Amino acid sequence: MLVLTRKPGESLMIGDDIEITVVTVSGDQVKLGINAPKHIDIHRKEIYVAIGSENKSASAGVTDLSGLFKLPPMK
C-alpha cells in the first residue's frame, strides 16, 4: 500500500487519466474529488463488495448457459 500525505487542494494521479483531489478535511472525515473517464466505474468499497456479492448470488447454480443465445445456423 502506498501512503501519501496531501493537503486540501492537492492532488494525486493514477496513470494518465485519473486525478484524485483532497477537497476538504474536517475532523475525521476527508472529502475527495475524483476526475476519471466516464467508462471507469467508481464505487465506495462497501458498495463494490455488495455488488460483487449480489452478482455471485445471482449466478449461483447457473451452469447451463446454452439456452441464452440461439444463433442461426451458419451458411
N, C-alpha and C. Protein backbone atom coordinates (compact mmCIF):
# COMPACT_ATOMS: atom_id res chain seq x y z
N MET A 1 0.85 -1.17 0.00
CA MET A 1 0.00 0.00 0.00
C MET A 1 0.89 1.23 0.00
N LEU A 2 0.58 2.15 -0.88
CA LEU A 2 1.28 3.42 -0.94
C LEU A 2 0.54 4.41 -0.05
N VAL A 3 1.23 5.07 0.86
CA VAL A 3 0.62 6.05 1.74
C VAL A 3 1.20 7.42 1.40
N LEU A 4 0.33 8.38 1.10
CA LEU A 4 0.74 9.73 0.74
C LEU A 4 0.13 10.74 1.69
N THR A 5 0.79 11.84 1.86
CA THR A 5 0.24 12.95 2.64
C THR A 5 -0.12 14.06 1.66
N ARG A 6 -1.37 14.51 1.71
CA ARG A 6 -1.85 15.57 0.84
C ARG A 6 -2.63 16.56 1.69
N LYS A 7 -2.61 17.81 1.30
CA LYS A 7 -3.39 18.86 1.95
C LYS A 7 -4.57 19.20 1.07
N PRO A 8 -5.61 19.85 1.63
CA PRO A 8 -6.74 20.26 0.80
C PRO A 8 -6.27 21.06 -0.42
N GLY A 9 -6.82 20.70 -1.56
CA GLY A 9 -6.46 21.34 -2.81
C GLY A 9 -5.34 20.62 -3.55
N GLU A 10 -4.65 19.69 -2.89
CA GLU A 10 -3.59 18.94 -3.54
C GLU A 10 -4.16 17.65 -4.13
N SER A 11 -3.50 17.16 -5.17
CA SER A 11 -4.00 16.01 -5.91
C SER A 11 -2.95 14.92 -6.02
N LEU A 12 -3.39 13.78 -6.51
CA LEU A 12 -2.51 12.71 -6.92
C LEU A 12 -3.07 12.13 -8.20
N MET A 13 -2.21 11.57 -9.00
CA MET A 13 -2.60 10.99 -10.28
C MET A 13 -2.45 9.48 -10.24
N ILE A 14 -3.40 8.80 -10.85
CA ILE A 14 -3.31 7.36 -11.07
C ILE A 14 -3.27 7.18 -12.58
N GLY A 15 -2.14 6.79 -13.08
CA GLY A 15 -1.95 6.73 -14.52
C GLY A 15 -2.05 8.13 -15.11
N ASP A 16 -2.47 8.21 -16.35
CA ASP A 16 -2.60 9.50 -17.03
C ASP A 16 -4.02 10.05 -16.95
N ASP A 17 -4.99 9.24 -16.53
CA ASP A 17 -6.39 9.60 -16.68
C ASP A 17 -7.15 9.86 -15.39
N ILE A 18 -6.64 9.45 -14.25
CA ILE A 18 -7.40 9.55 -13.01
C ILE A 18 -6.70 10.51 -12.05
N GLU A 19 -7.43 11.54 -11.62
CA GLU A 19 -6.91 12.51 -10.67
C GLU A 19 -7.79 12.49 -9.43
N ILE A 20 -7.16 12.36 -8.28
CA ILE A 20 -7.87 12.38 -7.00
C ILE A 20 -7.39 13.61 -6.25
N THR A 21 -8.35 14.47 -5.85
CA THR A 21 -8.04 15.72 -5.18
C THR A 21 -8.64 15.71 -3.78
N VAL A 22 -7.86 16.14 -2.79
CA VAL A 22 -8.39 16.33 -1.44
C VAL A 22 -9.16 17.64 -1.47
N VAL A 23 -10.47 17.56 -1.25
CA VAL A 23 -11.32 18.75 -1.30
C VAL A 23 -11.33 19.44 0.05
N THR A 24 -11.68 18.69 1.10
CA THR A 24 -11.68 19.26 2.45
C THR A 24 -11.31 18.17 3.45
N VAL A 25 -10.82 18.62 4.59
CA VAL A 25 -10.56 17.75 5.74
C VAL A 25 -11.25 18.39 6.92
N SER A 26 -12.14 17.63 7.56
CA SER A 26 -12.88 18.16 8.70
C SER A 26 -12.96 17.07 9.76
N GLY A 27 -12.22 17.24 10.85
CA GLY A 27 -12.21 16.21 11.89
C GLY A 27 -11.66 14.91 11.34
N ASP A 28 -12.46 13.84 11.43
CA ASP A 28 -12.01 12.54 10.94
C ASP A 28 -12.55 12.21 9.55
N GLN A 29 -13.11 13.22 8.85
CA GLN A 29 -13.63 13.00 7.50
C GLN A 29 -12.79 13.72 6.47
N VAL A 30 -12.58 13.07 5.36
CA VAL A 30 -11.85 13.64 4.23
C VAL A 30 -12.77 13.57 3.03
N LYS A 31 -12.97 14.68 2.33
CA LYS A 31 -13.75 14.68 1.10
C LYS A 31 -12.79 14.67 -0.06
N LEU A 32 -13.01 13.71 -0.96
CA LEU A 32 -12.15 13.55 -2.13
C LEU A 32 -12.95 13.85 -3.38
N GLY A 33 -12.30 14.49 -4.33
CA GLY A 33 -12.87 14.67 -5.66
C GLY A 33 -12.13 13.75 -6.61
N ILE A 34 -12.86 13.07 -7.48
CA ILE A 34 -12.25 12.12 -8.40
C ILE A 34 -12.60 12.52 -9.82
N ASN A 35 -11.60 12.73 -10.63
CA ASN A 35 -11.78 13.05 -12.03
C ASN A 35 -11.25 11.88 -12.83
N ALA A 36 -12.15 11.16 -13.51
CA ALA A 36 -11.77 9.96 -14.26
C ALA A 36 -12.64 9.86 -15.51
N PRO A 37 -12.18 9.13 -16.51
CA PRO A 37 -13.00 8.91 -17.70
C PRO A 37 -14.33 8.26 -17.34
N LYS A 38 -15.36 8.56 -18.13
CA LYS A 38 -16.70 8.06 -17.83
C LYS A 38 -16.81 6.54 -17.88
N HIS A 39 -15.94 5.88 -18.62
CA HIS A 39 -16.03 4.42 -18.73
C HIS A 39 -15.47 3.70 -17.50
N ILE A 40 -14.91 4.43 -16.57
CA ILE A 40 -14.36 3.83 -15.35
C ILE A 40 -15.40 3.95 -14.23
N ASP A 41 -15.81 2.81 -13.68
CA ASP A 41 -16.76 2.80 -12.57
C ASP A 41 -16.03 3.18 -11.28
N ILE A 42 -16.66 4.04 -10.50
CA ILE A 42 -16.10 4.44 -9.20
C ILE A 42 -17.14 4.17 -8.14
N HIS A 43 -16.80 3.34 -7.16
CA HIS A 43 -17.71 2.98 -6.07
C HIS A 43 -16.97 3.07 -4.75
N ARG A 44 -17.71 3.37 -3.68
CA ARG A 44 -17.14 3.17 -2.35
C ARG A 44 -16.90 1.67 -2.18
N LYS A 45 -15.90 1.31 -1.40
CA LYS A 45 -15.55 -0.11 -1.29
C LYS A 45 -16.71 -0.97 -0.81
N GLU A 46 -17.47 -0.48 0.17
CA GLU A 46 -18.58 -1.30 0.69
C GLU A 46 -19.65 -1.55 -0.37
N ILE A 47 -19.83 -0.60 -1.28
CA ILE A 47 -20.79 -0.78 -2.38
C ILE A 47 -20.21 -1.77 -3.39
N TYR A 48 -18.93 -1.62 -3.69
CA TYR A 48 -18.26 -2.53 -4.62
C TYR A 48 -18.35 -3.98 -4.14
N VAL A 49 -18.11 -4.19 -2.86
CA VAL A 49 -18.20 -5.53 -2.28
C VAL A 49 -19.63 -6.06 -2.36
N ALA A 50 -20.61 -5.20 -2.07
CA ALA A 50 -22.02 -5.62 -2.13
C ALA A 50 -22.42 -5.99 -3.56
N ILE A 51 -21.96 -5.24 -4.54
CA ILE A 51 -22.27 -5.55 -5.94
C ILE A 51 -21.68 -6.91 -6.31
N GLY A 52 -20.44 -7.15 -5.90
CA GLY A 52 -19.80 -8.44 -6.18
C GLY A 52 -20.55 -9.59 -5.53
N SER A 53 -21.01 -9.37 -4.31
CA SER A 53 -21.76 -10.40 -3.60
C SER A 53 -23.09 -10.69 -4.29
N GLU A 54 -23.78 -9.64 -4.71
CA GLU A 54 -25.05 -9.81 -5.42
C GLU A 54 -24.84 -10.54 -6.74
N ASN A 55 -23.80 -10.17 -7.47
CA ASN A 55 -23.52 -10.85 -8.74
C ASN A 55 -23.21 -12.32 -8.52
N LYS A 56 -22.46 -12.62 -7.46
CA LYS A 56 -22.13 -14.01 -7.16
C LYS A 56 -23.39 -14.79 -6.80
N SER A 57 -24.27 -14.18 -5.99
CA SER A 57 -25.52 -14.84 -5.60
C SER A 57 -26.42 -15.07 -6.81
N ALA A 58 -26.49 -14.08 -7.68
CA ALA A 58 -27.36 -14.18 -8.85
C ALA A 58 -26.90 -15.27 -9.81
N SER A 59 -25.59 -15.52 -9.85
CA SER A 59 -25.07 -16.52 -10.78
C SER A 59 -24.93 -17.90 -10.15
N ALA A 60 -25.18 -18.01 -8.85
CA ALA A 60 -25.04 -19.30 -8.17
C ALA A 60 -26.03 -20.31 -8.75
N GLY A 61 -25.56 -21.47 -9.04
CA GLY A 61 -26.41 -22.52 -9.55
C GLY A 61 -26.63 -22.47 -11.05
N VAL A 62 -26.17 -21.44 -11.71
CA VAL A 62 -26.31 -21.36 -13.16
C VAL A 62 -25.12 -22.06 -13.78
N THR A 63 -25.39 -23.23 -14.40
CA THR A 63 -24.29 -23.97 -15.02
C THR A 63 -24.51 -24.17 -16.51
N ASP A 64 -25.77 -24.18 -16.95
CA ASP A 64 -26.06 -24.39 -18.37
C ASP A 64 -26.47 -23.06 -18.99
N LEU A 65 -25.59 -22.51 -19.79
CA LEU A 65 -25.86 -21.23 -20.44
C LEU A 65 -26.22 -21.41 -21.91
N SER A 66 -26.41 -22.65 -22.35
CA SER A 66 -26.65 -22.92 -23.77
C SER A 66 -27.94 -22.29 -24.28
N GLY A 67 -28.91 -22.09 -23.42
CA GLY A 67 -30.18 -21.52 -23.85
C GLY A 67 -30.19 -20.01 -23.95
N LEU A 68 -29.13 -19.36 -23.55
CA LEU A 68 -29.11 -17.90 -23.57
C LEU A 68 -29.05 -17.33 -24.97
N PHE A 69 -28.31 -17.97 -25.83
CA PHE A 69 -28.12 -17.45 -27.19
C PHE A 69 -28.51 -18.51 -28.21
N LYS A 70 -29.45 -18.19 -29.03
CA LYS A 70 -29.85 -19.06 -30.12
C LYS A 70 -29.36 -18.43 -31.42
N LEU A 71 -28.24 -18.89 -31.91
CA LEU A 71 -27.66 -18.35 -33.12
C LEU A 71 -28.22 -19.08 -34.34
N PRO A 72 -28.46 -18.33 -35.43
CA PRO A 72 -28.92 -19.01 -36.64
C PRO A 72 -27.79 -19.87 -37.20
N PRO A 73 -28.15 -20.91 -37.93
CA PRO A 73 -27.10 -21.78 -38.50
C PRO A 73 -26.22 -20.99 -39.46
N MET A 74 -24.94 -21.33 -39.49
CA MET A 74 -24.02 -20.68 -40.40
C MET A 74 -24.22 -21.19 -41.81
N LYS A 75 -24.11 -20.30 -42.78
CA LYS A 75 -24.31 -20.69 -44.19
C LYS A 75 -23.00 -21.00 -44.84
